Amino acid sequence: MNNWHTEFMAEYDRQHILEEAQEIRIATVATRYRVYRPGLFGRTMFHFANWMVSTGVRLRKRYEVPVIHCTNSPTRSYVP
């Protein structure tokens, strides 16, 4: 029996797999050095999140009740 066709197809498939692996390696190297530049939506959401955080900090400062440590009172009185 002649196995020439089977061996030829196996070698062809092996070459195809090696070419695909090389393309994946090249694509990985190329994307590794690409600088990320967010689009309009990404920038907008970033600024919106920063605004929410800063507003929350300001609201917390405005409405937070100050804590008084009664144990350090010079008069030993526990009444604030």
PDB file of N, CA and C in Angstrom:
ATOM      1  N   MET A   1       0.822  -1.173   0.000  1.00  0.00           N
ATOM      2  CA  MET A   1       0.000   0.000   0.000  1.00  0.00           C
ATOM      3  C   MET A   1       0.870   1.241   0.000  1.00  0.00           C
ATOM      4  N   ASN A   2       0.394   2.259  -0.661  1.00  0.00           N
ATOM      5  CA  ASN A   2       1.144   3.501  -0.751  1.00  0.00           C
ATOM      6  C   ASN A   2       0.602   4.504   0.271  1.00  0.00           C
ATOM      7  N   ASN A   3       1.437   4.940   1.216  1.00  0.00           N
ATOM      8  CA  ASN A   3       1.038   5.889   2.252  1.00  0.00           C
ATOM      9  C   ASN A   3       1.496   7.309   1.930  1.00  0.00           C
ATOM     10  N   TRP A   4       1.840   7.564   0.690  1.00  0.00           N
ATOM     11  CA  TRP A   4       2.376   8.857   0.312  1.00  0.00           C
ATOM     12  C   TRP A   4       1.388   9.995   0.593  1.00  0.00           C
ATOM     13  N   HIS A   5       0.121   9.777   0.260  1.00  0.00           N
ATOM     14  CA  HIS A   5      -0.887  10.818   0.444  1.00  0.00           C
ATOM     15  C   HIS A   5      -1.094  11.131   1.928  1.00  0.00           C
ATOM     16  N   THR A   6      -1.126  10.115   2.774  1.00  0.00           N
ATOM     17  CA  THR A   6      -1.304  10.313   4.209  1.00  0.00           C
ATOM     18  C   THR A   6      -0.129  11.093   4.795  1.00  0.00           C
ATOM     19  N   GLU A   7       1.093  10.731   4.422  1.00  0.00           N
ATOM     20  CA  GLU A   7       2.268  11.429   4.925  1.00  0.00           C
ATOM     21  C   GLU A   7       2.315  12.865   4.410  1.00  0.00           C
ATOM     22  N   PHE A   8       1.918  13.054   3.166  1.00  0.00           N
ATOM     23  CA  PHE A   8       1.904  14.396   2.596  1.00  0.00           C
ATOM     24  C   PHE A   8       0.914  15.296   3.336  1.00  0.00           C
ATOM     25  N   MET A   9      -0.282  14.784   3.611  1.00  0.00           N
ATOM     26  CA  MET A   9      -1.297  15.567   4.327  1.00  0.00           C
ATOM     27  C   MET A   9      -0.859  15.850   5.768  1.00  0.00           C
ATOM     28  N   ALA A  10      -0.202  14.894   6.413  1.00  0.00           N
ATOM     29  CA  ALA A  10       0.284  15.112   7.768  1.00  0.00           C
ATOM     30  C   ALA A  10       1.337  16.223   7.795  1.00  0.00           C
ATOM     31  N   GLU A  11       2.248  16.189   6.815  1.00  0.00           N
ATOM     32  CA  GLU A  11       3.273  17.228   6.728  1.00  0.00           C
ATOM     33  C   GLU A  11       2.656  18.583   6.406  1.00  0.00           C
ATOM     34  N   TYR A  12       1.657  18.599   5.536  1.00  0.00           N
ATOM     35  CA  TYR A  12       0.963  19.835   5.189  1.00  0.00           C
ATOM     36  C   TYR A  12       0.269  20.425   6.414  1.00  0.00           C
ATOM     37  N   ASP A  13      -0.412  19.580   7.185  1.00  0.00           N
ATOM     38  CA  ASP A  13      -1.085  20.044   8.405  1.00  0.00           C
ATOM     39  C   ASP A  13      -0.078  20.559   9.432  1.00  0.00           C
ATOM     40  N   ARG A  14       1.055  19.885   9.555  1.00  0.00           N
ATOM     41  CA  ARG A  14       2.078  20.311  10.500  1.00  0.00           C
ATOM     42  C   ARG A  14       2.624  21.687  10.126  1.00  0.00           C
ATOM     43  N   GLN A  15       2.867  21.911   8.852  1.00  0.00           N
ATOM     44  CA  GLN A  15       3.338  23.216   8.396  1.00  0.00           C
ATOM     45  C   GLN A  15       2.294  24.307   8.653  1.00  0.00           C
ATOM     46  N   HIS A  16       1.042  23.964   8.423  1.00  0.00           N
ATOM     47  CA  HIS A  16      -0.040  24.923   8.661  1.00  0.00           C
ATOM     48  C   HIS A  16      -0.116  25.296  10.139  1.00  0.00           C
ATOM     49  N   ILE A  17       0.023  24.322  11.024  1.00  0.00           N
ATOM     50  CA  ILE A  17      -0.005  24.577  12.465  1.00  0.00           C
ATOM     51  C   ILE A  17       1.175  25.455  12.877  1.00  0.00           C
ATOM     52  N   LEU A  18       2.361  25.178  12.343  1.00  0.00           N
ATOM     53  CA  LEU A  18       3.530  25.992  12.666  1.00  0.00           C
ATOM     54  C   LEU A  18       3.375  27.438  12.181  1.00  0.00           C
ATOM     55  N   GLU A  19       2.782  27.632  11.012  1.00  0.00           N
ATOM     56  CA  GLU A  19       2.541  28.979  10.512  1.00  0.00           C
ATOM     57  C   GLU A  19       1.551  29.734  11.397  1.00  0.00           C
ATOM     58  N   GLU A  20       0.494  29.066  11.839  1.00  0.00           N
ATOM     59  CA  GLU A  20      -0.473  29.699  12.731  1.00  0.00           C
ATOM     60  C   GLU A  20       0.169  30.068  14.066  1.00  0.00           C
ATOM     61  N   ALA A  21       1.009  29.188  14.604  1.00  0.00           N
ATOM     62  CA  ALA A  21       1.697  29.481  15.860  1.00  0.00           C
ATOM     63  C   ALA A  21       2.603  30.693  15.707  1.00  0.00           C
ATOM     64  N   GLN A  22       3.285  30.806  14.582  1.00  0.00           N
ATOM     65  CA  GLN A  22       4.149  31.959  14.332  1.00  0.00           C
ATOM     66  C   GLN A  22       3.329  33.243  14.236  1.00  0.00           C
ATOM     67  N   GLU A  23       2.171  33.182  13.581  1.00  0.00           N
ATOM     68  CA  GLU A  23       1.306  34.349  13.498  1.00  0.00           C
ATOM     69  C   GLU A  23       0.821  34.773  14.873  1.00  0.00           C
ATOM     70  N   ILE A  24       0.486  33.820  15.735  1.00  0.00           N
ATOM     71  CA  ILE A  24       0.041  34.139  17.090  1.00  0.00           C
ATOM     72  C   ILE A  24       1.173  34.793  17.875  1.00  0.00           C
ATOM     73  N   ARG A  25       2.399  34.273  17.737  1.00  0.00           N
ATOM     74  CA  ARG A  25       3.548  34.886  18.421  1.00  0.00           C
ATOM     75  C   ARG A  25       3.769  36.321  17.961  1.00  0.00           C
ATOM     76  N   ILE A  26       3.683  36.551  16.664  1.00  0.00           N
ATOM     77  CA  ILE A  26       3.878  37.907  16.132  1.00  0.00           C
ATOM     78  C   ILE A  26       2.780  38.840  16.630  1.00  0.00           C
ATOM     79  N   ALA A  27       1.544  38.373  16.640  1.00  0.00           N
ATOM     80  CA  ALA A  27       0.446  39.203  17.125  1.00  0.00           C
ATOM     81  C   ALA A  27       0.605  39.511  18.606  1.00  0.00           C
ATOM     82  N   THR A  28       1.079  38.563  19.396  1.00  0.00           N
ATOM     83  CA  THR A  28       1.287  38.785  20.827  1.00  0.00           C
ATOM     84  C   THR A  28       2.358  39.833  21.056  1.00  0.00           C
ATOM     85  N   VAL A  29       3.450  39.743  20.329  1.00  0.00           N
ATOM     86  CA  VAL A  29       4.524  40.731  20.473  1.00  0.00           C
ATOM     87  C   VAL A  29       4.047  42.109  20.028  1.00  0.00           C
ATOM     88  N   ALA A  30       3.279  42.171  18.960  1.00  0.00           N
ATOM     89  CA  ALA A  30       2.807  43.457  18.453  1.00  0.00           C
ATOM     90  C   ALA A  30       1.839  44.121  19.423  1.00  0.00           C
ATOM     91  N   THR A  31       0.958  43.368  20.053  1.00  0.00           N
ATOM     92  CA  THR A  31      -0.010  43.967  20.981  1.00  0.00           C
ATOM     93  C   THR A  31       0.602  44.275  22.333  1.00  0.00           C
ATOM     94  N   ARG A  32       1.729  43.679  22.660  1.00  0.00           N
ATOM     95  CA  ARG A  32       2.367  43.927  23.950  1.00  0.00           C
ATOM     96  C   ARG A  32       2.857  45.360  24.050  1.00  0.00           C
ATOM     97  N   TYR A  33       3.309  45.935  22.959  1.00  0.00           N
ATOM     98  CA  TYR A  33       3.883  47.264  22.974  1.00  0.00           C
ATOM     99  C   TYR A  33       2.915  48.351  22.521  1.00  0.00           C
ATOM    100  N   ARG A  34       1.673  47.983  22.313  1.00  0.00           N
ATOM    101  CA  ARG A  34       0.687  48.969  21.885  1.00  0.00           C
ATOM    102  C   ARG A  34       0.216  49.778  23.098  1.00  0.00           C
ATOM    103  N   VAL A  35       0.156  51.081  22.963  1.00  0.00           N
ATOM    104  CA  VAL A  35      -0.276  51.951  24.047  1.00  0.00           C
ATOM    105  C   VAL A  35      -1.800  51.970  24.058  1.00  0.00           C
ATOM    106  N   TYR A  36      -2.370  51.834  25.261  1.00  0.00           N
ATOM    107  CA  TYR A  36      -3.821  51.848  25.391  1.00  0.00           C
ATOM    108  C   TYR A  36      -4.311  53.291  25.400  1.00  0.00           C
ATOM    109  N   ARG A  37      -5.175  53.617  24.472  1.00  0.00           N
ATOM    110  CA  ARG A  37      -5.786  54.932  24.418  1.00  0.00           C
ATOM    111  C   ARG A  37      -7.307  54.733  24.451  1.00  0.00           C
ATOM    112  N   PRO A  38      -7.927  55.069  25.585  1.00  0.00           N
ATOM    113  CA  PRO A  38      -9.369  54.848  25.678  1.00  0.00           C
ATOM    114  C   PRO A  38     -10.139  55.787  24.766  1.00  0.00           C
ATOM    115  N   GLY A  39     -11.290  55.323  24.366  1.00  0.00           N
ATOM    116  CA  GLY A  39     -12.149  56.130  23.500  1.00  0.00           C
ATOM    117  C   GLY A  39     -12.970  57.126  24.301  1.00  0.00           C
ATOM    118  N   LEU A  40     -13.927  57.723  23.640  1.00  0.00           N
ATOM    119  CA  LEU A  40     -14.767  58.737  24.273  1.00  0.00           C
ATOM    120  C   LEU A  40     -15.538  58.155  25.452  1.00  0.00           C
ATOM    121  N   PHE A  41     -16.111  56.982  25.293  1.00  0.00           N
ATOM    122  CA  PHE A  41     -16.887  56.369  26.370  1.00  0.00           C
ATOM    123  C   PHE A  41     -15.999  56.067  27.570  1.00  0.00           C
ATOM    124  N   GLY A  42     -14.826  55.517  27.344  1.00  0.00           N
ATOM    125  CA  GLY A  42     -13.917  55.196  28.440  1.00  0.00           C
ATOM    126  C   GLY A  42     -13.477  56.426  29.205  1.00  0.00           C
ATOM    127  N   ARG A  43     -13.137  57.482  28.478  1.00  0.00           N
ATOM    128  CA  ARG A  43     -12.731  58.731  29.139  1.00  0.00           C
ATOM    129  C   ARG A  43     -13.885  59.328  29.933  1.00  0.00           C
ATOM    130  N   THR A  44     -15.083  59.304  29.347  1.00  0.00           N
ATOM    131  CA  THR A  44     -16.252  59.860  30.022  1.00  0.00           C
ATOM    132  C   THR A  44     -16.543  59.101  31.309  1.00  0.00           C
ATOM    133  N   MET A  45     -16.514  57.782  31.251  1.00  0.00           N
ATOM    134  CA  MET A  45     -16.775  56.988  32.447  1.00  0.00           C
ATOM    135  C   MET A  45     -15.692  57.200  33.500  1.00  0.00           C
ATOM    136  N   PHE A  46     -14.438  57.376  33.097  1.00  0.00           N
ATOM    137  CA  PHE A  46     -13.352  57.632  34.038  1.00  0.00           C
ATOM    138  C   PHE A  46     -13.589  58.953  34.777  1.00  0.00           C
ATOM    139  N   HIS A  47     -13.935  59.999  34.035  1.00  0.00           N
ATOM    140  CA  HIS A  47     -14.179  61.294  34.666  1.00  0.00           C
ATOM    141  C   HIS A  47     -15.435  61.254  35.536  1.00  0.00           C
ATOM    142  N   PHE A  48     -16.452  60.536  35.097  1.00  0.00           N
ATOM    143  CA  PHE A  48     -17.668  60.404  35.887  1.00  0.00           C
ATOM    144  C   PHE A  48     -17.386  59.688  37.206  1.00  0.00           C
ATOM    145  N   ALA A  49     -16.597  58.635  37.165  1.00  0.00           N
ATOM    146  CA  ALA A  49     -16.259  57.906  38.393  1.00  0.00           C
ATOM    147  C   ALA A  49     -15.451  58.794  39.334  1.00  0.00           C
ATOM    148  N   ASN A  50     -14.505  59.544  38.805  1.00  0.00           N
ATOM    149  CA  ASN A  50     -13.738  60.452  39.661  1.00  0.00           C
ATOM    150  C   ASN A  50     -14.630  61.521  40.277  1.00  0.00           C
ATOM    151  N   TRP A  51     -15.588  62.023  39.518  1.00  0.00           N
ATOM    152  CA  TRP A  51     -16.520  63.005  40.051  1.00  0.00           C
ATOM    153  C   TRP A  51     -17.356  62.408  41.180  1.00  0.00           C
ATOM    154  N   MET A  52     -17.826  61.178  40.993  1.00  0.00           N
ATOM    155  CA  MET A  52     -18.622  60.533  42.037  1.00  0.00           C
ATOM    156  C   MET A  52     -17.813  60.348  43.320  1.00  0.00           C
ATOM    157  N   VAL A  53     -16.555  59.948  43.188  1.00  0.00           N
ATOM    158  CA  VAL A  53     -15.716  59.747  44.369  1.00  0.00           C
ATOM    159  C   VAL A  53     -15.485  61.072  45.089  1.00  0.00           C
ATOM    160  N   SER A  54     -15.150  62.123  44.352  1.00  0.00           N
ATOM    161  CA  SER A  54     -14.883  63.409  45.001  1.00  0.00           C
ATOM    162  C   SER A  54     -16.147  63.973  45.648  1.00  0.00           C
ATOM    163  N   THR A  55     -17.297  63.794  45.002  1.00  0.00           N
ATOM    164  CA  THR A  55     -18.556  64.251  45.589  1.00  0.00           C
ATOM    165  C   THR A  55     -18.872  63.471  46.852  1.00  0.00           C
ATOM    166  N   GLY A  56     -18.640  62.180  46.836  1.00  0.00           N
ATOM    167  CA  GLY A  56     -18.879  61.362  48.020  1.00  0.00           C
ATOM    168  C   GLY A  56     -17.985  61.758  49.174  1.00  0.00           C
ATOM    169  N   VAL A  57     -16.739  62.086  48.895  1.00  0.00           N
ATOM    170  CA  VAL A  57     -15.822  62.514  49.952  1.00  0.00           C
ATOM    171  C   VAL A  57     -16.299  63.833  50.548  1.00  0.00           C
ATOM    172  N   ARG A  58     -16.719  64.776  49.687  1.00  0.00           N
ATOM    173  CA  ARG A  58     -17.208  66.062  50.190  1.00  0.00           C
ATOM    174  C   ARG A  58     -18.480  65.883  51.016  1.00  0.00           C
ATOM    175  N   LEU A  59     -19.407  65.029  50.567  1.00  0.00           N
ATOM    176  CA  LEU A  59     -20.636  64.790  51.329  1.00  0.00           C
ATOM    177  C   LEU A  59     -20.332  64.125  52.665  1.00  0.00           C
ATOM    178  N   ARG A  60     -19.388  63.213  52.658  1.00  0.00           N
ATOM    179  CA  ARG A  60     -19.031  62.546  53.905  1.00  0.00           C
ATOM    180  C   ARG A  60     -18.448  63.545  54.899  1.00  0.00           C
ATOM    181  N   LYS A  61     -17.596  64.447  54.430  1.00  0.00           N
ATOM    182  CA  LYS A  61     -17.035  65.469  55.316  1.00  0.00           C
ATOM    183  C   LYS A  61     -18.126  66.386  55.845  1.00  0.00           C
ATOM    184  N   ARG A  62     -19.102  66.696  54.997  1.00  0.00           N
ATOM    185  CA  ARG A  62     -20.160  67.616  55.401  1.00  0.00           C
ATOM    186  C   ARG A  62     -21.078  67.006  56.457  1.00  0.00           C
ATOM    187  N   TYR A  63     -21.449  65.748  56.305  1.00  0.00           N
ATOM    188  CA  TYR A  63     -22.463  65.158  57.171  1.00  0.00           C
ATOM    189  C   TYR A  63     -21.906  64.196  58.214  1.00  0.00           C
ATOM    190  N   GLU A  64     -20.620  64.036  58.287  1.00  0.00           N
ATOM    191  CA  GLU A  64     -20.057  63.118  59.265  1.00  0.00           C
ATOM    192  C   GLU A  64     -20.067  63.771  60.643  1.00  0.00           C
ATOM    193  N   VAL A  65     -20.481  63.015  61.652  1.00  0.00           N
ATOM    194  CA  VAL A  65     -20.523  63.509  63.019  1.00  0.00           C
ATOM    195  C   VAL A  65     -19.138  63.331  63.624  1.00  0.00           C
ATOM    196  N   PRO A  66     -18.561  64.402  64.204  1.00  0.00           N
ATOM    197  CA  PRO A  66     -17.236  64.249  64.795  1.00  0.00           C
ATOM    198  C   PRO A  66     -17.282  63.342  66.027  1.00  0.00           C
ATOM    199  N   VAL A  67     -16.234  62.588  66.207  1.00  0.00           N
ATOM    200  CA  VAL A  67     -16.161  61.637  67.310  1.00  0.00           C
ATOM    201  C   VAL A  67     -15.419  62.302  68.461  1.00  0.00           C
ATOM    202  N   ILE A  68     -15.968  62.183  69.672  1.00  0.00           N
ATOM    203  CA  ILE A  68     -15.337  62.733  70.871  1.00  0.00           C
ATOM    204  C   ILE A  68     -14.901  61.570  71.743  1.00  0.00           C
ATOM    205  N   HIS A  69     -13.643  61.536  72.108  1.00  0.00           N
ATOM    206  CA  HIS A  69     -13.130  60.488  72.987  1.00  0.00           C
ATOM    207  C   HIS A  69     -13.329  60.930  74.429  1.00  0.00           C
ATOM    208  N   CYS A  70     -14.261  60.313  75.118  1.00  0.00           N
ATOM    209  CA  CYS A  70     -14.583  60.700  76.488  1.00  0.00           C
ATOM    210  C   CYS A  70     -13.517  60.251  77.487  1.00  0.00           C
ATOM    211  N   THR A  71     -12.739  59.269  77.159  1.00  0.00           N
ATOM    212  CA  THR A  71     -11.759  58.763  78.116  1.00  0.00           C
ATOM    213  C   THR A  71     -10.596  59.718  78.285  1.00  0.00           C
ATOM    214  N   ASN A  72     -10.366  60.624  77.334  1.00  0.00           N
ATOM    215  CA  ASN A  72      -9.256  61.570  77.421  1.00  0.00           C
ATOM    216  C   ASN A  72      -9.720  62.938  77.921  1.00  0.00           C
ATOM    217  N   SER A  73     -10.867  63.022  78.516  1.00  0.00           N
ATOM    218  CA  SER A  73     -11.399  64.291  78.992  1.00  0.00           C
ATOM    219  C   SER A  73     -10.629  64.745  80.238  1.00  0.00           C
ATOM    220  N   PRO A  74     -10.149  66.004  80.256  1.00  0.00           N
ATOM    221  CA  PRO A  74      -9.387  66.454  81.422  1.00  0.00           C
ATOM    222  C   PRO A  74     -10.247  66.576  82.671  1.00  0.00           C
ATOM    223  N   THR A  75     -11.562  66.755  82.541  1.00  0.00           N
ATOM    224  CA  THR A  75     -12.431  66.900  83.706  1.00  0.00           C
ATOM    225  C   THR A  75     -13.004  65.566  84.163  1.00  0.00           C
ATOM    226  N   ARG A  76     -12.698  64.512  83.454  1.00  0.00           N
ATOM    227  CA  ARG A  76     -13.236  63.173  83.729  1.00  0.00           C
ATOM    228  C   ARG A  76     -14.756  63.134  83.645  1.00  0.00           C
ATOM    229  N   SER A  77     -15.331  64.071  82.923  1.00  0.00           N
ATOM    230  CA  SER A  77     -16.777  64.100  82.750  1.00  0.00           C
ATOM    231  C   SER A  77     -17.081  63.408  81.418  1.00  0.00           C
ATOM    232  N   TYR A  78     -18.087  62.578  81.419  1.00  0.00           N
ATOM    233  CA  TYR A  78     -18.458  61.853  80.216  1.00  0.00           C
ATOM    234  C   TYR A  78     -19.543  62.575  79.419  1.00  0.00           C
ATOM    235  N   VAL A  79     -19.897  63.790  79.809  1.00  0.00           N
ATOM    236  CA  VAL A  79     -20.883  64.564  79.086  1.00  0.00           C
ATOM    237  C   VAL A  79     -20.169  65.400  78.038  1.00  0.00           C
ATOM    238  N   PRO A  80     -20.569  65.313  76.780  1.00  0.00           N
ATOM    239  CA  PRO A  80     -19.867  66.093  75.757  1.00  0.00           C
ATOM    240  C   PRO A  80     -20.167  67.565  75.815  1.00  0.00           C
TER     241      PRO A  80
END
